[in-house]
Amino acid sequence: MSVNKVILVGNVGSDPEIRHLDNNVSVARFRLATSESYTAKNGEKVESTEWHNIVLWRGLAKVAEQYIKKGSKLYVEGKITNRQYEQNGVIKYFTEIVGNNMVMLDSKSYNRSEDNTRPNFNDSVNISDPASETHNFSESEAEDDLPF
């Protein structure tokens, strides 16, 4: 048995980059900063920031496109993936977090529209990508199985 699970809480470093692929599939990419602070032996407060490359697919990407912006505070749950590509004869390695669950932790994330309308959400919103879970179903099957 093995587990590949990541949980991050941090701030979005820039507005998400959104791409729309074939078959109405969307992908969002952005960087998420996580910080920790500690006191050094000399009494000085030290803050360390790590940057994480986040990738969201399908419904989560559409939510990111509409509501996530630079500075948004997010909880992201997903898995670590590594990929590589060649550029000018040099192999580049890239580590990403593919998110399958996201919670928007600040209400200001929703104020992207000019008319200041906001979805009927509480201060935090938990959104999962059902297509990334272990079961696999088509969108038409998912609609037919709704309990209401």
C-alpha atoms as a PDB file:
ATOM      1  CA  MET A   1       0.000   0.000   0.000  1.00  0.00           C
ATOM      2  CA  SER A   2       1.162   3.550  -0.682  1.00  0.00           C
ATOM      3  CA  VAL A   3      -0.223   7.029  -0.100  1.00  0.00           C
ATOM      4  CA  ASN A   4       0.381  10.211  -2.061  1.00  0.00           C
ATOM      5  CA  LYS A   5      -1.532  12.980  -0.282  1.00  0.00           C
ATOM      6  CA  VAL A   6      -0.680  16.637   0.262  1.00  0.00           C
ATOM      7  CA  ILE A   7      -2.517  19.218   2.352  1.00  0.00           C
ATOM      8  CA  LEU A   8      -1.532  22.881   1.979  1.00  0.00           C
ATOM      9  CA  VAL A   9      -2.908  26.091   3.465  1.00  0.00           C
ATOM     10  CA  GLY A  10      -1.481  29.244   1.969  1.00  0.00           C
ATOM     11  CA  ASN A  11      -1.875  32.345  -0.158  1.00  0.00           C
ATOM     12  CA  VAL A  12      -2.169  32.466  -3.936  1.00  0.00           C
ATOM     13  CA  GLY A  13       0.848  34.224  -5.494  1.00  0.00           C
ATOM     14  CA  SER A  14      -0.792  35.401  -8.737  1.00  0.00           C
ATOM     15  CA  ASP A  15      -4.095  35.155 -10.564  1.00  0.00           C
ATOM     16  CA  PRO A  16      -4.607  31.615 -11.923  1.00  0.00           C
ATOM     17  CA  GLU A  17      -3.591  30.894 -15.502  1.00  0.00           C
ATOM     18  CA  ILE A  18      -6.581  29.201 -17.145  1.00  0.00           C
ATOM     19  CA  ARG A  19      -6.538  27.065 -20.281  1.00  0.00           C
ATOM     20  CA  HIS A  20      -9.568  25.574 -21.983  1.00  0.00           C
ATOM     21  CA  LEU A  21      -8.798  22.266 -23.682  1.00  0.00           C
ATOM     22  CA  ASP A  22     -10.830  20.028 -25.979  1.00  0.00           C
ATOM     23  CA  ASN A  23     -14.088  18.492 -24.755  1.00  0.00           C
ATOM     24  CA  ASN A  24     -14.792  21.519 -22.506  1.00  0.00           C
ATOM     25  CA  VAL A  25     -12.002  20.561 -20.061  1.00  0.00           C
ATOM     26  CA  SER A  26     -10.409  23.437 -18.157  1.00  0.00           C
ATOM     27  CA  VAL A  27      -7.104  23.536 -16.286  1.00  0.00           C
ATOM     28  CA  ALA A  28      -5.945  26.194 -13.832  1.00  0.00           C
ATOM     29  CA  ARG A  29      -2.351  26.719 -12.725  1.00  0.00           C
ATOM     30  CA  PHE A  30      -1.085  29.006  -9.988  1.00  0.00           C
ATOM     31  CA  ARG A  31       1.498  29.190  -7.244  1.00  0.00           C
ATOM     32  CA  LEU A  32       0.612  28.878  -3.574  1.00  0.00           C
ATOM     33  CA  ALA A  33       2.860  30.225  -0.818  1.00  0.00           C
ATOM     34  CA  THR A  34       3.063  28.491   2.545  1.00  0.00           C
ATOM     35  CA  SER A  35       4.994  30.174   5.337  1.00  0.00           C
ATOM     36  CA  GLU A  36       6.299  29.180   8.714  1.00  0.00           C
ATOM     37  CA  SER A  37       8.116  31.251  11.289  1.00  0.00           C
ATOM     38  CA  TYR A  38      10.373  30.445  14.181  1.00  0.00           C
ATOM     39  CA  THR A  39      12.705  32.208  16.590  1.00  0.00           C
ATOM     40  CA  ALA A  40      16.410  31.689  15.964  1.00  0.00           C
ATOM     41  CA  LYS A  41      18.901  31.088  18.761  1.00  0.00           C
ATOM     42  CA  ASN A  42      19.826  34.773  18.742  1.00  0.00           C
ATOM     43  CA  GLY A  43      16.161  35.706  19.374  1.00  0.00           C
ATOM     44  CA  GLU A  44      15.531  36.926  15.842  1.00  0.00           C
ATOM     45  CA  LYS A  45      12.214  35.933  14.249  1.00  0.00           C
ATOM     46  CA  VAL A  46      12.785  34.060  10.988  1.00  0.00           C
ATOM     47  CA  GLU A  47      10.089  33.445   8.378  1.00  0.00           C
ATOM     48  CA  SER A  48      10.469  30.813   5.683  1.00  0.00           C
ATOM     49  CA  THR A  49       8.220  30.674   2.613  1.00  0.00           C
ATOM     50  CA  GLU A  50       7.824  27.719   0.247  1.00  0.00           C
ATOM     51  CA  TRP A  51       6.181  28.075  -3.176  1.00  0.00           C
ATOM     52  CA  HIS A  52       4.055  25.229  -4.574  1.00  0.00           C
ATOM     53  CA  ASN A  53       2.835  24.797  -8.159  1.00  0.00           C
ATOM     54  CA  ILE A  54      -0.881  23.974  -8.028  1.00  0.00           C
ATOM     55  CA  VAL A  55      -2.871  22.423 -10.879  1.00  0.00           C
ATOM     56  CA  LEU A  56      -6.674  22.183 -10.810  1.00  0.00           C
ATOM     57  CA  TRP A  57      -8.763  20.419 -13.465  1.00  0.00           C
ATOM     58  CA  ARG A  58     -12.354  20.595 -14.710  1.00  0.00           C
ATOM     59  CA  GLY A  59     -14.824  21.993 -12.168  1.00  0.00           C
ATOM     60  CA  LEU A  60     -12.158  23.136  -9.737  1.00  0.00           C
ATOM     61  CA  ALA A  61     -10.445  25.019 -12.582  1.00  0.00           C
ATOM     62  CA  LYS A  62     -13.706  26.779 -13.407  1.00  0.00           C
ATOM     63  CA  VAL A  63     -14.138  27.791  -9.764  1.00  0.00           C
ATOM     64  CA  ALA A  64     -10.542  29.050  -9.702  1.00  0.00           C
ATOM     65  CA  GLU A  65     -11.148  31.054 -12.872  1.00  0.00           C
ATOM     66  CA  GLN A  66     -14.175  32.751 -11.364  1.00  0.00           C
ATOM     67  CA  TYR A  67     -13.199  33.271  -7.708  1.00  0.00           C
ATOM     68  CA  ILE A  68      -9.490  32.766  -7.006  1.00  0.00           C
ATOM     69  CA  LYS A  69      -7.133  35.712  -7.351  1.00  0.00           C
ATOM     70  CA  LYS A  70      -3.746  36.835  -6.112  1.00  0.00           C
ATOM     71  CA  GLY A  71      -3.748  36.930  -2.315  1.00  0.00           C
ATOM     72  CA  SER A  72      -6.644  34.474  -1.859  1.00  0.00           C
ATOM     73  CA  LYS A  73      -6.197  32.171   1.131  1.00  0.00           C
ATOM     74  CA  LEU A  74      -6.782  28.513   0.212  1.00  0.00           C
ATOM     75  CA  TYR A  75      -6.765  25.030   1.630  1.00  0.00           C
ATOM     76  CA  VAL A  76      -5.713  22.652  -1.142  1.00  0.00           C
ATOM     77  CA  GLU A  77      -5.688  18.885  -0.880  1.00  0.00           C
ATOM     78  CA  GLY A  78      -4.226  16.700  -3.593  1.00  0.00           C
ATOM     79  CA  LYS A  79      -1.258  14.624  -4.683  1.00  0.00           C
ATOM     80  CA  ILE A  80       2.336  15.336  -5.688  1.00  0.00           C
ATOM     81  CA  THR A  81       3.204  14.736  -9.317  1.00  0.00           C
ATOM     82  CA  ASN A  82       6.519  15.097 -11.108  1.00  0.00           C
ATOM     83  CA  ARG A  83       6.975  15.683 -14.794  1.00  0.00           C
ATOM     84  CA  GLN A  84       9.825  16.521 -17.080  1.00  0.00           C
ATOM     85  CA  TYR A  85      10.277  18.148 -20.444  1.00  0.00           C
ATOM     86  CA  GLU A  86      13.155  19.075 -22.692  1.00  0.00           C
ATOM     87  CA  GLN A  87      13.905  22.680 -23.576  1.00  0.00           C
ATOM     88  CA  ASN A  88      16.878  23.601 -25.763  1.00  0.00           C
ATOM     89  CA  GLY A  89      18.474  20.213 -25.123  1.00  0.00           C
ATOM     90  CA  VAL A  90      18.167  20.547 -21.343  1.00  0.00           C
ATOM     91  CA  ILE A  91      15.808  18.302 -19.369  1.00  0.00           C
ATOM     92  CA  LYS A  92      13.722  20.312 -16.892  1.00  0.00           C
ATOM     93  CA  TYR A  93      11.994  18.694 -13.926  1.00  0.00           C
ATOM     94  CA  PHE A  94       8.799  20.095 -12.467  1.00  0.00           C
ATOM     95  CA  THR A  95       6.929  19.188  -9.276  1.00  0.00           C
ATOM     96  CA  GLU A  96       3.230  20.025  -9.017  1.00  0.00           C
ATOM     97  CA  ILE A  97       0.365  19.492  -6.625  1.00  0.00           C
ATOM     98  CA  VAL A  98      -2.714  18.242  -8.488  1.00  0.00           C
ATOM     99  CA  GLY A  99      -5.602  19.383  -6.331  1.00  0.00           C
ATOM    100  CA  ASN A 100      -8.761  17.325  -5.907  1.00  0.00           C
ATOM    101  CA  ASN A 101     -10.246  19.305  -3.001  1.00  0.00           C
ATOM    102  CA  MET A 102     -10.150  23.005  -2.257  1.00  0.00           C
ATOM    103  CA  VAL A 103     -11.535  25.236   0.467  1.00  0.00           C
ATOM    104  CA  MET A 104     -11.646  28.996  -0.062  1.00  0.00           C
ATOM    105  CA  LEU A 105     -10.784  30.429   3.338  1.00  0.00           C
ATOM    106  CA  ASP A 106     -11.508  34.127   2.829  1.00  0.00           C
ATOM    107  CA  SER A 107     -14.722  35.759   1.702  1.00  0.00           C
ATOM    108  CA  LYS A 108     -12.938  38.400  -0.393  1.00  0.00           C
ATOM    109  CA  SER A 109     -12.120  35.674  -2.940  1.00  0.00           C
ATOM    110  CA  TYR A 110     -15.655  35.969  -4.285  1.00  0.00           C
ATOM    111  CA  ASN A 111     -15.642  39.686  -5.045  1.00  0.00           C
ATOM    112  CA  ARG A 112     -14.230  39.347  -8.547  1.00  0.00           C
ATOM    113  CA  SER A 113     -17.316  40.396 -10.443  1.00  0.00           C
ATOM    114  CA  GLU A 114     -17.906  44.077 -11.062  1.00  0.00           C
ATOM    115  CA  ASP A 115     -21.470  44.028  -9.747  1.00  0.00           C
ATOM    116  CA  ASN A 116     -20.202  42.687  -6.385  1.00  0.00           C
ATOM    117  CA  THR A 117     -22.692  39.823  -6.470  1.00  0.00           C
ATOM    118  CA  ARG A 118     -21.489  36.877  -4.494  1.00  0.00           C
ATOM    119  CA  PRO A 119     -22.585  33.265  -4.376  1.00  0.00           C
ATOM    120  CA  ASN A 120     -24.535  32.220  -1.323  1.00  0.00           C
ATOM    121  CA  PHE A 121     -21.548  30.751   0.525  1.00  0.00           C
ATOM    122  CA  ASN A 122     -20.329  31.030   4.091  1.00  0.00           C
ATOM    123  CA  ASP A 123     -16.833  32.358   4.834  1.00  0.00           C
ATOM    124  CA  SER A 124     -15.263  29.116   3.638  1.00  0.00           C
ATOM    125  CA  VAL A 125     -16.271  26.965   0.705  1.00  0.00           C
ATOM    126  CA  ASN A 126     -15.287  23.321   0.301  1.00  0.00           C
ATOM    127  CA  ILE A 127     -15.143  22.193  -3.306  1.00  0.00           C
ATOM    128  CA  SER A 128     -14.085  18.750  -4.504  1.00  0.00           C
ATOM    129  CA  ASP A 129     -13.422  17.478  -7.990  1.00  0.00           C
ATOM    130  CA  PRO A 130     -15.410  14.230  -8.169  1.00  0.00           C
ATOM    131  CA  ALA A 131     -13.625  13.225 -11.372  1.00  0.00           C
ATOM    132  CA  SER A 132     -10.344  12.999  -9.485  1.00  0.00           C
ATOM    133  CA  GLU A 133     -11.638  10.607  -6.830  1.00  0.00           C
ATOM    134  CA  THR A 134     -11.050   6.870  -7.078  1.00  0.00           C
ATOM    135  CA  HIS A 135     -14.378   6.116  -8.726  1.00  0.00           C
ATOM    136  CA  ASN A 136     -14.722   7.048 -12.372  1.00  0.00           C
ATOM    137  CA  PHE A 137     -18.012   8.082 -13.929  1.00  0.00           C
ATOM    138  CA  SER A 138     -19.173  10.211 -16.810  1.00  0.00           C
ATOM    139  CA  GLU A 139     -20.910  13.546 -16.269  1.00  0.00           C
ATOM    140  CA  SER A 140     -24.198  12.162 -17.612  1.00  0.00           C
ATOM    141  CA  GLU A 141     -24.071   9.291 -15.106  1.00  0.00           C
ATOM    142  CA  ALA A 142     -23.343  11.726 -12.280  1.00  0.00           C
ATOM    143  CA  GLU A 143     -26.417  13.805 -13.122  1.00  0.00           C
ATOM    144  CA  ASP A 144     -28.646  10.721 -13.164  1.00  0.00           C
ATOM    145  CA  ASP A 145     -27.480   9.598  -9.701  1.00  0.00           C
ATOM    146  CA  LEU A 146     -28.306  12.846  -7.896  1.00  0.00           C
ATOM    147  CA  PRO A 147     -30.444  12.223  -4.793  1.00  0.00           C
ATOM    148  CA  PHE A 148     -32.752  15.182  -5.542  1.00  0.00           C
END
